[in-house]
């Protein structure tokens, strides 16, 4: 659990003591965000009735592979991703993981703990991460005084729910190839929102984790990425993905059979031409 000091929203004038936190967490006393910075990170308006300079929220760093919270752990804190990449998972009695999400900058973690006061999922860092802590008791107390802040936080939680519902709808409606395509497009859009390239990026998650998230096997994910690379929709270099035709990925329903793709590629090579993704997809 968080120490009493770490779980509070501290005034600016507080003198910070140098002390260690629980396993997996390193306290950085000089890293704090005020309320305006938290609102900016969540992409919501600042609560105008709150004097933001009076409130500070602590940052905590996690190393790759460390757990932020575990299933069944008592709930007391929401987390906002300031930097880095994570995964949230469910784990069954046999130790099998079901990936629920891949949070990144601006996403909120821990909402699933509000109902039972225990986290129902596990959050794990896929890279070195910096998270902002939102102690829930302090947040609710603040929300009772400043109703617009409470409403905005409800909006953030609802946004996370809508994103999860969209994923469930996608899993039920799309082919395996279309799921992978939409995943890449969504990831590219998120990178663009964070100010990074939407055309070239590294996958922080493994193909197995992508498969778990999309309801596919590792083999299906690997085979689909190879097919996308083969027909020119993307380039693949281990975990580095280059997006070459985002529009085709957005509208893709399924790929032509591998034999059809092979024939068209062979025909193009015999003519010393390059078969375009549009030509290959037109075989459907």
Protein backbone atom coordinates (compact mmCIF):
# COMPACT_ATOMS: atom_id res chain seq x y z
CA UNK A 1 0.00 0.00 0.00
CA UNK A 2 1.02 3.62 -0.38
CA UNK A 3 2.47 5.34 2.63
CA UNK A 4 0.37 8.07 4.26
CA UNK A 5 2.67 10.73 2.84
CA UNK A 6 2.51 9.35 -0.68
CA UNK A 7 -1.28 9.00 -0.65
CA UNK A 8 -2.00 12.61 0.13
CA UNK A 9 -2.40 15.65 -2.07
CA UNK A 10 0.32 17.85 -0.64
CA UNK A 11 0.52 21.67 -0.35
CA UNK A 12 3.34 23.37 -2.18
CA UNK A 13 5.05 24.38 1.05
CA UNK A 14 5.44 20.79 2.27
CA UNK A 15 9.04 19.78 3.01
CA UNK A 16 9.67 16.45 1.31
CA UNK A 17 11.52 13.72 3.16
CA UNK A 18 13.80 11.31 1.30
CA UNK A 19 12.36 7.85 1.97
CA UNK A 20 11.71 4.66 0.04
CA UNK A 21 8.24 3.39 -0.92
CA UNK A 22 6.98 -0.16 -1.28
CA UNK A 23 8.63 -2.67 -3.62
CA UNK A 24 8.59 -1.57 -7.25
CA UNK A 25 8.18 2.12 -6.50
CA UNK A 26 10.82 4.78 -6.15
CA UNK A 27 9.90 8.06 -4.57
CA UNK A 28 11.02 11.17 -6.43
CA UNK A 29 10.34 14.07 -4.10
CA UNK A 30 10.90 16.75 -6.72
CA UNK A 31 8.33 15.38 -9.16
CA UNK A 32 4.86 16.80 -8.59
CA UNK A 33 2.08 18.10 -10.84
CA UNK A 34 -0.48 20.75 -9.99
CA UNK A 35 -4.17 20.36 -10.84
CA UNK A 36 -3.91 22.29 -14.11
CA UNK A 37 -1.13 20.00 -15.31
CA UNK A 38 -3.20 16.94 -14.37
CA UNK A 39 -6.20 18.32 -16.28
CA UNK A 40 -4.01 19.07 -19.31
CA UNK A 41 -2.66 15.52 -19.22
CA UNK A 42 -6.22 14.13 -19.19
CA UNK A 43 -7.27 16.53 -21.98
CA UNK A 44 -10.01 18.14 -19.89
CA UNK A 45 -10.56 21.83 -18.99
CA UNK A 46 -8.96 23.05 -15.80
CA UNK A 47 -11.34 23.41 -12.86
CA UNK A 48 -11.54 27.21 -12.70
CA UNK A 49 -12.86 27.34 -9.13
CA UNK A 50 -9.84 25.43 -7.79
CA UNK A 51 -6.63 27.28 -7.01
CA UNK A 52 -4.31 24.90 -8.82
CA UNK A 53 -1.14 26.14 -7.16
CA UNK A 54 -2.46 24.96 -3.78
CA UNK A 55 -2.56 21.30 -4.83
CA UNK A 56 0.18 18.96 -5.93
CA UNK A 57 -0.03 15.34 -7.05
CA UNK A 58 2.98 13.09 -6.68
CA UNK A 59 4.72 11.24 -9.51
CA UNK A 60 6.05 7.69 -9.09
CA UNK A 61 8.38 5.85 -11.46
CA UNK A 62 8.22 2.16 -12.39
CA UNK A 63 10.75 0.07 -14.25
CA UNK A 64 9.90 -2.22 -17.17
CA UNK A 65 8.14 -5.33 -15.89
CA UNK A 66 7.14 -3.90 -12.51
CA UNK A 67 3.53 -4.09 -11.33
CA UNK A 68 1.63 -0.93 -10.53
CA UNK A 69 -1.21 -2.77 -8.79
CA UNK A 70 -2.31 -6.39 -8.57
CA UNK A 71 -5.66 -8.17 -8.64
CA UNK A 72 -7.32 -8.07 -5.22
CA UNK A 73 -5.06 -5.34 -3.86
CA UNK A 74 -7.02 -2.81 -1.77
CA UNK A 75 -7.98 0.20 -3.89
CA UNK A 76 -6.95 3.67 -2.79
CA UNK A 77 -5.40 5.38 -5.82
CA UNK A 78 -6.08 6.21 -9.45
CA UNK A 79 -3.08 6.58 -11.76
CA UNK A 80 -2.51 8.77 -14.79
CA UNK A 81 0.18 7.83 -17.29
CA UNK A 82 2.58 10.73 -17.71
CA UNK A 83 5.04 8.77 -19.84
CA UNK A 84 5.68 5.17 -20.82
CA UNK A 85 3.55 2.20 -21.84
CA UNK A 86 1.68 -0.39 -19.78
CA UNK A 87 -0.72 -3.28 -20.06
CA UNK A 88 -3.68 -4.19 -17.87
CA UNK A 89 -4.56 -7.87 -17.59
CA UNK A 90 -6.90 -10.37 -15.99
CA UNK A 91 -5.27 -13.58 -14.71
CA UNK A 92 -7.20 -16.82 -14.23
CA UNK A 93 -6.57 -19.55 -11.67
CA UNK A 94 -4.13 -21.25 -14.06
CA UNK A 95 -2.02 -18.12 -14.49
CA UNK A 96 -3.28 -17.35 -18.02
CA UNK A 97 -3.37 -13.66 -18.92
CA UNK A 98 -6.08 -11.82 -20.82
CA UNK A 99 -4.84 -8.40 -21.91
CA UNK A 100 -7.49 -5.71 -21.40
CA UNK A 101 -5.72 -2.57 -22.55
CA UNK A 102 -2.41 -0.89 -23.35
CA UNK A 103 -2.48 2.41 -21.43
CA UNK A 104 -0.20 5.21 -22.53
CA UNK A 105 0.22 8.93 -21.94
CA UNK A 106 -2.98 10.60 -20.75
CA UNK A 107 -4.77 7.36 -19.83
CA UNK A 108 -6.17 6.67 -16.35
CA UNK A 109 -5.62 3.40 -14.49
CA UNK A 110 -7.32 1.85 -11.50
CA UNK A 111 -10.95 2.77 -12.23
CA UNK A 112 -11.93 -0.89 -11.89
CA UNK A 113 -11.14 -0.71 -8.18
CA UNK A 114 -13.84 1.81 -7.31
CA UNK A 115 -16.77 -0.63 -7.15
CA UNK A 116 -15.41 -3.24 -4.71
CA UNK A 117 -12.57 -1.14 -3.28
CA UNK A 118 -10.16 -3.76 -4.66
CA UNK A 119 -8.44 -3.71 -8.04
CA UNK A 120 -9.96 -6.32 -10.35
CA UNK A 121 -7.10 -6.24 -12.85
CA UNK A 122 -3.32 -6.07 -12.81
CA UNK A 123 -1.30 -3.25 -14.35
CA UNK A 124 2.26 -3.93 -15.55
CA UNK A 125 4.83 -1.55 -17.01
CA UNK A 126 5.88 -2.46 -20.58
CA UNK A 127 8.55 0.25 -20.46
CA UNK A 128 9.97 2.59 -17.84
CA UNK A 129 6.97 4.67 -16.77
CA UNK A 130 6.17 7.86 -14.91
CA UNK A 131 2.70 7.87 -13.31
CA UNK A 132 0.83 10.61 -11.47
CA UNK A 133 -1.00 9.47 -8.32
CA UNK A 134 -4.58 10.57 -7.65
CA UNK A 135 -5.49 9.44 -4.11
CA UNK A 136 -9.18 8.58 -4.40
CA UNK A 137 -10.33 9.86 -0.98
CA UNK A 138 -8.71 13.22 -1.57
CA UNK A 139 -10.10 13.37 -5.10
CA UNK A 140 -13.67 12.69 -3.97
CA UNK A 141 -13.35 15.21 -1.15
CA UNK A 142 -12.14 17.79 -3.64
CA UNK A 143 -14.98 16.89 -6.01
CA UNK A 144 -17.62 17.54 -3.36
CA UNK A 145 -16.37 21.10 -3.03
CA UNK A 146 -15.72 21.68 -6.74
CA UNK A 147 -18.53 19.98 -8.67
CA UNK A 148 -17.14 20.81 -12.10
CA UNK A 149 -13.99 18.85 -11.24
CA UNK A 150 -16.08 15.86 -10.17
CA UNK A 151 -18.06 15.97 -13.43
CA UNK A 152 -14.88 16.13 -15.49
CA UNK A 153 -13.42 13.11 -13.69
CA UNK A 154 -16.63 11.19 -14.39
CA UNK A 155 -16.15 12.18 -18.02
CA UNK A 156 -12.63 10.73 -18.04
CA UNK A 157 -13.87 7.45 -16.56
CA UNK A 158 -16.68 7.31 -19.10
CA UNK A 159 -14.16 7.86 -21.89
CA UNK A 160 -12.22 4.81 -20.73
CA UNK A 161 -15.45 2.76 -20.70
CA UNK A 162 -16.39 3.87 -24.22
CA UNK A 163 -12.95 2.83 -25.46
CA UNK A 164 -13.37 -0.63 -23.94
CA UNK A 165 -16.85 -0.98 -25.47
CA UNK A 166 -15.46 -0.06 -28.89
CA UNK A 167 -12.88 -2.81 -28.55
CA UNK A 168 -15.53 -5.39 -27.61
CA UNK A 169 -17.59 -4.37 -30.64
CA UNK A 170 -14.57 -4.68 -32.89
CA UNK A 171 -13.74 -8.16 -31.66
CA UNK A 172 -17.21 -9.38 -32.49
CA UNK A 173 -17.59 -7.76 -35.88
CA UNK A 174 -14.23 -7.88 -37.67
CA UNK A 175 -12.07 -10.56 -39.25
CA UNK A 176 -8.67 -11.39 -37.75
CA UNK A 177 -6.86 -9.31 -40.38
CA UNK A 178 -9.17 -6.33 -39.84
CA UNK A 179 -8.61 -6.49 -36.06
CA UNK A 180 -4.84 -6.27 -36.51
CA UNK A 181 -5.25 -3.47 -39.06
CA UNK A 182 -7.49 -1.40 -36.75
CA UNK A 183 -5.11 -2.00 -33.87
CA UNK A 184 -2.19 -0.58 -35.87
CA UNK A 185 -4.24 2.41 -37.04
CA UNK A 186 -5.43 3.15 -33.50
CA UNK A 187 -1.89 2.88 -32.17
CA UNK A 188 -0.61 5.20 -34.90
CA UNK A 189 -3.30 7.75 -34.00
CA UNK A 190 -2.35 7.59 -30.33
CA UNK A 191 1.32 8.18 -31.16
CA UNK A 192 0.31 11.18 -33.29
CA UNK A 193 -1.71 12.62 -30.40
CA UNK A 194 1.36 12.37 -28.18
CA UNK A 195 3.45 14.25 -30.72
CA UNK A 196 5.30 11.22 -32.12
CA UNK A 197 5.41 9.85 -35.62
CA UNK A 198 2.27 8.04 -36.80
CA UNK A 199 4.23 6.51 -39.68
CA UNK A 200 7.07 4.79 -37.83
CA UNK A 201 6.96 3.48 -34.26
CA UNK A 202 8.05 0.64 -32.01
CA UNK A 203 5.62 -1.88 -30.56
CA UNK A 204 6.13 -1.99 -26.80
CA UNK A 205 3.98 -5.10 -26.50
CA UNK A 206 4.78 -8.58 -27.80
CA UNK A 207 2.84 -10.28 -30.57
CA UNK A 208 1.47 -12.67 -27.95
CA UNK A 209 0.14 -9.70 -25.94
CA UNK A 210 -1.39 -8.17 -29.08
CA UNK A 211 -3.07 -11.51 -29.78
CA UNK A 212 -4.45 -11.71 -26.25
CA UNK A 213 -5.84 -8.19 -26.59
CA UNK A 214 -7.44 -8.88 -29.99
CA UNK A 215 -8.65 -12.40 -29.25
CA UNK A 216 -6.17 -13.97 -31.67
CA UNK A 217 -3.31 -16.43 -31.45
CA UNK A 218 0.32 -15.33 -31.61
CA UNK A 219 0.63 -17.19 -34.91
CA UNK A 220 -2.31 -15.31 -36.43
CA UNK A 221 -0.89 -11.94 -35.41
CA UNK A 222 2.58 -12.80 -36.78
CA UNK A 223 1.14 -14.20 -40.01
CA UNK A 224 -1.08 -11.14 -40.51
CA UNK A 225 1.76 -8.68 -39.92
CA UNK A 226 3.89 -10.61 -42.43
CA UNK A 227 1.07 -10.49 -44.98
CA UNK A 228 0.62 -6.74 -44.46
CA UNK A 229 4.36 -6.33 -45.00
CA UNK A 230 4.27 -8.54 -48.09
CA UNK A 231 1.59 -6.52 -49.87
CA UNK A 232 3.00 -3.14 -48.83
CA UNK A 233 0.50 -1.95 -46.23
CA UNK A 234 3.23 -1.77 -43.59
CA UNK A 235 6.93 -2.47 -43.12
CA UNK A 236 8.06 -4.73 -40.29
CA UNK A 237 11.50 -4.86 -38.69
CA UNK A 238 11.18 -6.90 -35.49
CA UNK A 239 9.15 -4.53 -33.26
CA UNK A 240 9.46 -1.50 -35.54
CA UNK A 241 6.35 -0.85 -37.64
CA UNK A 242 6.17 1.53 -40.59
CA UNK A 243 2.68 2.53 -41.76
CA UNK A 244 2.67 2.79 -45.57
CA UNK A 245 -1.07 2.87 -46.37
CA UNK A 246 -3.15 4.01 -43.39
CA UNK A 247 -6.34 4.39 -45.44
CA UNK A 248 -6.17 0.82 -46.71
CA UNK A 249 -5.65 -0.40 -43.14
CA UNK A 250 -8.66 1.58 -41.93
CA UNK A 251 -10.99 0.11 -44.55
CA UNK A 252 -9.55 -3.40 -44.81
CA UNK A 253 -12.12 -6.15 -44.21
CA UNK A 254 -9.99 -9.21 -44.96
CA UNK A 255 -6.98 -10.19 -47.03
CA UNK A 256 -7.05 -12.11 -50.31
CA UNK A 257 -6.07 -15.78 -49.95
CA UNK A 258 -2.33 -16.33 -49.74
CA UNK A 259 -2.33 -18.16 -53.10
CA UNK A 260 -3.99 -15.18 -54.79
CA UNK A 261 -1.46 -12.80 -53.25
CA UNK A 262 1.42 -15.02 -54.34
CA UNK A 263 0.14 -15.20 -57.94
CA UNK A 264 -0.30 -11.44 -58.17
CA UNK A 265 3.12 -10.75 -56.69
CA UNK A 266 4.71 -13.27 -59.06
CA UNK A 267 2.90 -11.71 -62.03
CA UNK A 268 4.07 -8.24 -61.00
CA UNK A 269 7.66 -9.42 -60.62
CA UNK A 270 7.59 -11.08 -64.04
CA UNK A 271 6.64 -7.72 -65.51
CA UNK A 272 9.26 -6.00 -63.36
CA UNK A 273 6.45 -4.09 -61.65
CA UNK A 274 5.36 -3.61 -58.06
CA UNK A 275 1.88 -4.79 -57.20
CA UNK A 276 0.16 -2.08 -55.14
CA UNK A 277 -1.85 -2.87 -52.01
CA UNK A 278 -4.97 -1.69 -53.84
CA UNK A 279 -4.39 -4.19 -56.65
CA UNK A 280 -3.90 -7.04 -54.23
CA UNK A 281 -6.91 -6.14 -52.13
CA UNK A 282 -9.02 -5.83 -55.27
CA UNK A 283 -8.85 -9.59 -55.54
CA UNK A 284 -11.54 -9.89 -52.87
